[in-house]
Amino acid sequence: MPVLPVGGETSFAANEAVVMRSAAVDVTKGVIAGARHWLMEEAPEATVAAGVRFIDVPSPRQRGARAPAGT
């Protein structure tokens, strides 16, 4: 399943993706520029745009890439 962990630039940033990769294979990191912890309150347009871009772009598995062995 594709996963989009999103963090604020001055808070968790890309560390959200690092953590999620311990539980998921198809992880796309999302970082909201200028945001801290409260993404929807601090940068609602950028946060929604990140989600929309993620939904609109097929994941590697949807494009026909082979899943790693054991998944």
PDB file of N, CA and C in Angstrom:
ATOM      1  N   MET A   1       0.847  -1.175   0.000  1.00  0.00           N
ATOM      2  CA  MET A   1       0.000   0.000   0.000  1.00  0.00           C
ATOM      3  C   MET A   1       0.893   1.239   0.000  1.00  0.00           C
ATOM      4  N   PRO A   2       0.645   2.182  -0.882  1.00  0.00           N
ATOM      5  CA  PRO A   2       1.410   3.427  -0.870  1.00  0.00           C
ATOM      6  C   PRO A   2       1.126   4.232   0.401  1.00  0.00           C
ATOM      7  N   VAL A   3       2.173   4.815   0.960  1.00  0.00           N
ATOM      8  CA  VAL A   3       2.051   5.582   2.195  1.00  0.00           C
ATOM      9  C   VAL A   3       2.708   6.949   1.989  1.00  0.00           C
ATOM     10  N   LEU A   4       2.054   8.012   2.467  1.00  0.00           N
ATOM     11  CA  LEU A   4       2.610   9.369   2.400  1.00  0.00           C
ATOM     12  C   LEU A   4       2.728   9.936   3.808  1.00  0.00           C
ATOM     13  N   PRO A   5       3.873   9.760   4.461  1.00  0.00           N
ATOM     14  CA  PRO A   5       4.087  10.438   5.733  1.00  0.00           C
ATOM     15  C   PRO A   5       4.506  11.883   5.456  1.00  0.00           C
ATOM     16  N   VAL A   6       3.894  12.819   6.143  1.00  0.00           N
ATOM     17  CA  VAL A   6       4.161  14.239   5.904  1.00  0.00           C
ATOM     18  C   VAL A   6       4.617  14.894   7.205  1.00  0.00           C
ATOM     19  N   GLY A   7       5.686  15.656   7.126  1.00  0.00           N
ATOM     20  CA  GLY A   7       6.180  16.386   8.281  1.00  0.00           C
ATOM     21  C   GLY A   7       6.425  17.834   7.932  1.00  0.00           C
ATOM     22  N   GLY A   8       6.401  18.681   8.934  1.00  0.00           N
ATOM     23  CA  GLY A   8       6.715  20.087   8.739  1.00  0.00           C
ATOM     24  C   GLY A   8       8.221  20.286   8.626  1.00  0.00           C
ATOM     25  N   GLU A   9       8.625  21.216   7.801  1.00  0.00           N
ATOM     26  CA  GLU A   9      10.045  21.469   7.543  1.00  0.00           C
ATOM     27  C   GLU A   9      10.846  21.714   8.818  1.00  0.00           C
ATOM     28  N   THR A  10      10.276  22.453   9.769  1.00  0.00           N
ATOM     29  CA  THR A  10      11.019  22.774  10.988  1.00  0.00           C
ATOM     30  C   THR A  10      10.609  21.891  12.165  1.00  0.00           C
ATOM     31  N   SER A  11       9.957  20.770  11.865  1.00  0.00           N
ATOM     32  CA  SER A  11       9.570  19.833  12.915  1.00  0.00           C
ATOM     33  C   SER A  11      10.111  18.452  12.553  1.00  0.00           C
ATOM     34  N   PHE A  12       9.252  17.552  12.115  1.00  0.00           N
ATOM     35  CA  PHE A  12       9.683  16.186  11.807  1.00  0.00           C
ATOM     36  C   PHE A  12      10.275  16.039  10.411  1.00  0.00           C
ATOM     37  N   ALA A  13       9.935  16.935   9.513  1.00  0.00           N
ATOM     38  CA  ALA A  13      10.442  16.933   8.135  1.00  0.00           C
ATOM     39  C   ALA A  13      10.430  15.531   7.543  1.00  0.00           C
ATOM     40  N   ALA A  14      11.546  15.107   6.978  1.00  0.00           N
ATOM     41  CA  ALA A  14      11.617  13.807   6.310  1.00  0.00           C
ATOM     42  C   ALA A  14      11.731  12.642   7.287  1.00  0.00           C
ATOM     43  N   ASN A  15      11.887  12.905   8.580  1.00  0.00           N
ATOM     44  CA  ASN A  15      11.981  11.814   9.559  1.00  0.00           C
ATOM     45  C   ASN A  15      10.709  10.980   9.617  1.00  0.00           C
ATOM     46  N   GLU A  16       9.585  11.563   9.268  1.00  0.00           N
ATOM     47  CA  GLU A  16       8.332  10.792   9.220  1.00  0.00           C
ATOM     48  C   GLU A  16       8.485   9.632   8.242  1.00  0.00           C
ATOM     49  N   ALA A  17       9.100   9.882   7.091  1.00  0.00           N
ATOM     50  CA  ALA A  17       9.290   8.836   6.087  1.00  0.00           C
ATOM     51  C   ALA A  17      10.271   7.779   6.582  1.00  0.00           C
ATOM     52  N   VAL A  18      11.317   8.199   7.270  1.00  0.00           N
ATOM     53  CA  VAL A  18      12.297   7.251   7.805  1.00  0.00           C
ATOM     54  C   VAL A  18      11.605   6.267   8.741  1.00  0.00           C
ATOM     55  N   VAL A  19      10.765   6.761   9.616  1.00  0.00           N
ATOM     56  CA  VAL A  19      10.047   5.907  10.566  1.00  0.00           C
ATOM     57  C   VAL A  19       9.095   4.959   9.832  1.00  0.00           C
ATOM     58  N   MET A  20       8.358   5.475   8.859  1.00  0.00           N
ATOM     59  CA  MET A  20       7.378   4.653   8.147  1.00  0.00           C
ATOM     60  C   MET A  20       8.028   3.555   7.315  1.00  0.00           C
ATOM     61  N   ARG A  21       9.250   3.765   6.869  1.00  0.00           N
ATOM     62  CA  ARG A  21       9.924   2.735   6.063  1.00  0.00           C
ATOM     63  C   ARG A  21      10.220   1.479   6.873  1.00  0.00           C
ATOM     64  N   SER A  22      10.126   1.556   8.191  1.00  0.00           N
ATOM     65  CA  SER A  22      10.298   0.351   9.004  1.00  0.00           C
ATOM     66  C   SER A  22       9.050  -0.532   8.947  1.00  0.00           C
ATOM     67  N   ALA A  23       7.939   0.020   8.451  1.00  0.00           N
ATOM     68  CA  ALA A  23       6.689  -0.743   8.404  1.00  0.00           C
ATOM     69  C   ALA A  23       6.093  -0.849   7.005  1.00  0.00           C
ATOM     70  N   ALA A  24       6.604  -0.078   6.047  1.00  0.00           N
ATOM     71  CA  ALA A  24       6.017  -0.060   4.708  1.00  0.00           C
ATOM     72  C   ALA A  24       7.121  -0.023   3.657  1.00  0.00           C
ATOM     73  N   VAL A  25       6.804  -0.516   2.474  1.00  0.00           N
ATOM     74  CA  VAL A  25       7.764  -0.561   1.382  1.00  0.00           C
ATOM     75  C   VAL A  25       7.593   0.617   0.436  1.00  0.00           C
ATOM     76  N   ASP A  26       6.364   0.961   0.126  1.00  0.00           N
ATOM     77  CA  ASP A  26       6.045   1.985  -0.873  1.00  0.00           C
ATOM     78  C   ASP A  26       5.794   3.313  -0.163  1.00  0.00           C
ATOM     79  N   VAL A  27       6.882   3.980   0.266  1.00  0.00           N
ATOM     80  CA  VAL A  27       6.794   5.204   1.074  1.00  0.00           C
ATOM     81  C   VAL A  27       7.293   6.397   0.260  1.00  0.00           C
ATOM     82  N   THR A  28       6.485   7.444   0.211  1.00  0.00           N
ATOM     83  CA  THR A  28       6.859   8.695  -0.429  1.00  0.00           C
ATOM     84  C   THR A  28       6.872   9.769   0.649  1.00  0.00           C
ATOM     85  N   LYS A  29       8.012  10.416   0.846  1.00  0.00           N
ATOM     86  CA  LYS A  29       8.088  11.432   1.900  1.00  0.00           C
ATOM     87  C   LYS A  29       7.419  12.720   1.455  1.00  0.00           C
ATOM     88  N   GLY A  30       6.853  13.404   2.420  1.00  0.00           N
ATOM     89  CA  GLY A  30       6.274  14.713   2.177  1.00  0.00           C
ATOM     90  C   GLY A  30       6.779  15.682   3.231  1.00  0.00           C
ATOM     91  N   VAL A  31       7.286  16.829   2.800  1.00  0.00           N
ATOM     92  CA  VAL A  31       7.764  17.860   3.717  1.00  0.00           C
ATOM     93  C   VAL A  31       7.073  19.162   3.338  1.00  0.00           C
ATOM     94  N   ILE A  32       6.433  19.788   4.315  1.00  0.00           N
ATOM     95  CA  ILE A  32       5.739  21.052   4.075  1.00  0.00           C
ATOM     96  C   ILE A  32       6.667  22.198   4.464  1.00  0.00           C
ATOM     97  N   ALA A  33       7.095  22.957   3.455  1.00  0.00           N
ATOM     98  CA  ALA A  33       8.046  24.054   3.659  1.00  0.00           C
ATOM     99  C   ALA A  33       7.485  25.094   4.634  1.00  0.00           C
ATOM    100  N   GLY A  34       8.331  25.509   5.561  1.00  0.00           N
ATOM    101  CA  GLY A  34       7.974  26.564   6.496  1.00  0.00           C
ATOM    102  C   GLY A  34       7.039  26.154   7.617  1.00  0.00           C
ATOM    103  N   ALA A  35       6.539  24.922   7.594  1.00  0.00           N
ATOM    104  CA  ALA A  35       5.596  24.476   8.621  1.00  0.00           C
ATOM    105  C   ALA A  35       6.338  23.812   9.776  1.00  0.00           C
ATOM    106  N   ARG A  36       5.684  23.833  10.939  1.00  0.00           N
ATOM    107  CA  ARG A  36       6.218  23.162  12.116  1.00  0.00           C
ATOM    108  C   ARG A  36       5.413  21.886  12.323  1.00  0.00           C
ATOM    109  N   HIS A  37       4.731  21.753  13.432  1.00  0.00           N
ATOM    110  CA  HIS A  37       4.025  20.528  13.791  1.00  0.00           C
ATOM    111  C   HIS A  37       2.574  20.497  13.303  1.00  0.00           C
ATOM    112  N   TRP A  38       1.920  21.624  13.277  1.00  0.00           N
ATOM    113  CA  TRP A  38       0.476  21.676  12.984  1.00  0.00           C
ATOM    114  C   TRP A  38       0.260  22.027  11.517  1.00  0.00           C
ATOM    115  N   LEU A  39       0.444  21.044  10.656  1.00  0.00           N
ATOM    116  CA  LEU A  39       0.459  21.279   9.215  1.00  0.00           C
ATOM    117  C   LEU A  39      -0.815  21.920   8.680  1.00  0.00           C
ATOM    118  N   MET A  40      -1.966  21.398   9.035  1.00  0.00           N
ATOM    119  CA  MET A  40      -3.228  21.924   8.490  1.00  0.00           C
ATOM    120  C   MET A  40      -3.530  23.327   9.001  1.00  0.00           C
ATOM    121  N   GLU A  41      -3.057  23.670  10.184  1.00  0.00           N
ATOM    122  CA  GLU A  41      -3.278  25.013  10.699  1.00  0.00           C
ATOM    123  C   GLU A  41      -2.260  26.002  10.129  1.00  0.00           C
ATOM    124  N   GLU A  42      -1.035  25.556   9.922  1.00  0.00           N
ATOM    125  CA  GLU A  42       0.042  26.442   9.492  1.00  0.00           C
ATOM    126  C   GLU A  42       0.159  26.573   7.975  1.00  0.00           C
ATOM    127  N   ALA A  43      -0.153  25.503   7.257  1.00  0.00           N
ATOM    128  CA  ALA A  43       0.009  25.515   5.795  1.00  0.00           C
ATOM    129  C   ALA A  43      -1.038  24.625   5.141  1.00  0.00           C
ATOM    130  N   PRO A  44      -2.324  24.973   5.278  1.00  0.00           N
ATOM    131  CA  PRO A  44      -3.374  24.086   4.765  1.00  0.00           C
ATOM    132  C   PRO A  44      -3.292  23.865   3.254  1.00  0.00           C
ATOM    133  N   GLU A  45      -3.015  24.895   2.491  1.00  0.00           N
ATOM    134  CA  GLU A  45      -2.980  24.737   1.031  1.00  0.00           C
ATOM    135  C   GLU A  45      -1.857  23.785   0.619  1.00  0.00           C
ATOM    136  N   ALA A  46      -0.688  23.947   1.182  1.00  0.00           N
ATOM    137  CA  ALA A  46       0.451  23.093   0.837  1.00  0.00           C
ATOM    138  C   ALA A  46       0.227  21.654   1.295  1.00  0.00           C
ATOM    139  N   THR A  47      -0.416  21.488   2.452  1.00  0.00           N
ATOM    140  CA  THR A  47      -0.673  20.152   2.969  1.00  0.00           C
ATOM    141  C   THR A  47      -1.675  19.419   2.088  1.00  0.00           C
ATOM    142  N   VAL A  48      -2.742  20.090   1.713  1.00  0.00           N
ATOM    143  CA  VAL A  48      -3.739  19.477   0.830  1.00  0.00           C
ATOM    144  C   VAL A  48      -3.116  19.187  -0.537  1.00  0.00           C
ATOM    145  N   ALA A  49      -2.323  20.114  -1.054  1.00  0.00           N
ATOM    146  CA  ALA A  49      -1.679  19.908  -2.357  1.00  0.00           C
ATOM    147  C   ALA A  49      -0.775  18.679  -2.338  1.00  0.00           C
ATOM    148  N   ALA A  50      -0.050  18.460  -1.246  1.00  0.00           N
ATOM    149  CA  ALA A  50       0.813  17.284  -1.136  1.00  0.00           C
ATOM    150  C   ALA A  50      -0.016  16.005  -1.198  1.00  0.00           C
ATOM    151  N   GLY A  51      -1.147  15.993  -0.517  1.00  0.00           N
ATOM    152  CA  GLY A  51      -2.025  14.825  -0.553  1.00  0.00           C
ATOM    153  C   GLY A  51      -2.608  14.589  -1.934  1.00  0.00           C
ATOM    154  N   VAL A  52      -3.022  15.641  -2.594  1.00  0.00           N
ATOM    155  CA  VAL A  52      -3.596  15.519  -3.939  1.00  0.00           C
ATOM    156  C   VAL A  52      -2.541  15.004  -4.922  1.00  0.00           C
ATOM    157  N   ARG A  53      -1.323  15.550  -4.855  1.00  0.00           N
ATOM    158  CA  ARG A  53      -0.253  15.062  -5.739  1.00  0.00           C
ATOM    159  C   ARG A  53       0.009  13.577  -5.502  1.00  0.00           C
ATOM    160  N   PHE A  54       0.014  13.175  -4.248  1.00  0.00           N
ATOM    161  CA  PHE A  54       0.263  11.774  -3.901  1.00  0.00           C
ATOM    162  C   PHE A  54      -0.819  10.872  -4.476  1.00  0.00           C
ATOM    163  N   ILE A  55      -2.055  11.282  -4.374  1.00  0.00           N
ATOM    164  CA  ILE A  55      -3.170  10.475  -4.886  1.00  0.00           C
ATOM    165  C   ILE A  55      -3.159  10.437  -6.414  1.00  0.00           C
ATOM    166  N   ASP A  56      -2.761  11.527  -7.044  1.00  0.00           N
ATOM    167  CA  ASP A  56      -2.791  11.620  -8.507  1.00  0.00           C
ATOM    168  C   ASP A  56      -1.649  10.879  -9.206  1.00  0.00           C
ATOM    169  N   VAL A  57      -0.564  10.570  -8.506  1.00  0.00           N
ATOM    170  CA  VAL A  57       0.588   9.922  -9.132  1.00  0.00           C
ATOM    171  C   VAL A  57       0.569   8.435  -8.803  1.00  0.00           C
ATOM    172  N   PRO A  58       0.586   7.572  -9.821  1.00  0.00           N
ATOM    173  CA  PRO A  58       0.600   6.132  -9.545  1.00  0.00           C
ATOM    174  C   PRO A  58       1.863   5.727  -8.784  1.00  0.00           C
ATOM    175  N   SER A  59       1.720   4.809  -7.874  1.00  0.00           N
ATOM    176  CA  SER A  59       2.874   4.303  -7.134  1.00  0.00           C
ATOM    177  C   SER A  59       3.681   3.378  -8.047  1.00  0.00           C
ATOM    178  N   PRO A  60       4.923   3.044  -7.671  1.00  0.00           N
ATOM    179  CA  PRO A  60       5.713   2.113  -8.480  1.00  0.00           C
ATOM    180  C   PRO A  60       4.985   0.785  -8.697  1.00  0.00           C
ATOM    181  N   ARG A  61       4.300   0.289  -7.693  1.00  0.00           N
ATOM    182  CA  ARG A  61       3.569  -0.976  -7.853  1.00  0.00           C
ATOM    183  C   ARG A  61       2.417  -0.826  -8.838  1.00  0.00           C
ATOM    184  N   GLN A  62       1.753   0.312  -8.833  1.00  0.00           N
ATOM    185  CA  GLN A  62       0.664   0.525  -9.777  1.00  0.00           C
ATOM    186  C   GLN A  62       1.196   0.656 -11.199  1.00  0.00           C
ATOM    187  N   ARG A  63       2.451   1.094 -11.341  1.00  0.00           N
ATOM    188  CA  ARG A  63       3.059   1.224 -12.670  1.00  0.00           C
ATOM    189  C   ARG A  63       3.657  -0.092 -13.140  1.00  0.00           C
ATOM    190  N   GLY A  64       3.552  -1.161 -12.345  1.00  0.00           N
ATOM    191  CA  GLY A  64       4.016  -2.466 -12.774  1.00  0.00           C
ATOM    192  C   GLY A  64       5.367  -2.883 -12.233  1.00  0.00           C
ATOM    193  N   ALA A  65       5.940  -2.110 -11.322  1.00  0.00           N
ATOM    194  CA  ALA A  65       7.215  -2.519 -10.726  1.00  0.00           C
ATOM    195  C   ALA A  65       6.987  -3.756  -9.877  1.00  0.00           C
ATOM    196  N   ARG A  66       7.985  -4.592  -9.815  1.00  0.00           N
ATOM    197  CA  ARG A  66       7.876  -5.818  -9.027  1.00  0.00           C
ATOM    198  C   ARG A  66       8.088  -5.501  -7.553  1.00  0.00           C
ATOM    199  N   ALA A  67       7.300  -6.153  -6.723  1.00  0.00           N
ATOM    200  CA  ALA A  67       7.448  -6.003  -5.270  1.00  0.00           C
ATOM    201  C   ALA A  67       8.718  -6.715  -4.826  1.00  0.00           C
ATOM    202  N   PRO A  68       9.423  -6.170  -3.834  1.00  0.00           N
ATOM    203  CA  PRO A  68      10.596  -6.856  -3.305  1.00  0.00           C
ATOM    204  C   PRO A  68      10.225  -8.233  -2.765  1.00  0.00           C
ATOM    205  N   ALA A  69      11.141  -9.180  -2.840  1.00  0.00           N
ATOM    206  CA  ALA A  69      10.895 -10.528  -2.333  1.00  0.00           C
ATOM    207  C   ALA A  69      10.491 -10.472  -0.873  1.00  0.00           C
ATOM    208  N   GLY A  70       9.518 -11.281  -0.520  1.00  0.00           N
ATOM    209  CA  GLY A  70       9.072 -11.365   0.863  1.00  0.00           C
ATOM    210  C   GLY A  70       8.009 -10.363   1.250  1.00  0.00           C
ATOM    211  N   THR A  71       7.481  -9.588   0.291  1.00  0.00           N
ATOM    212  CA  THR A  71       6.423  -8.633   0.629  1.00  0.00           C
ATOM    213  C   THR A  71       5.094  -9.103   0.123  1.00  0.00           C
TER     214      THR A  71
END
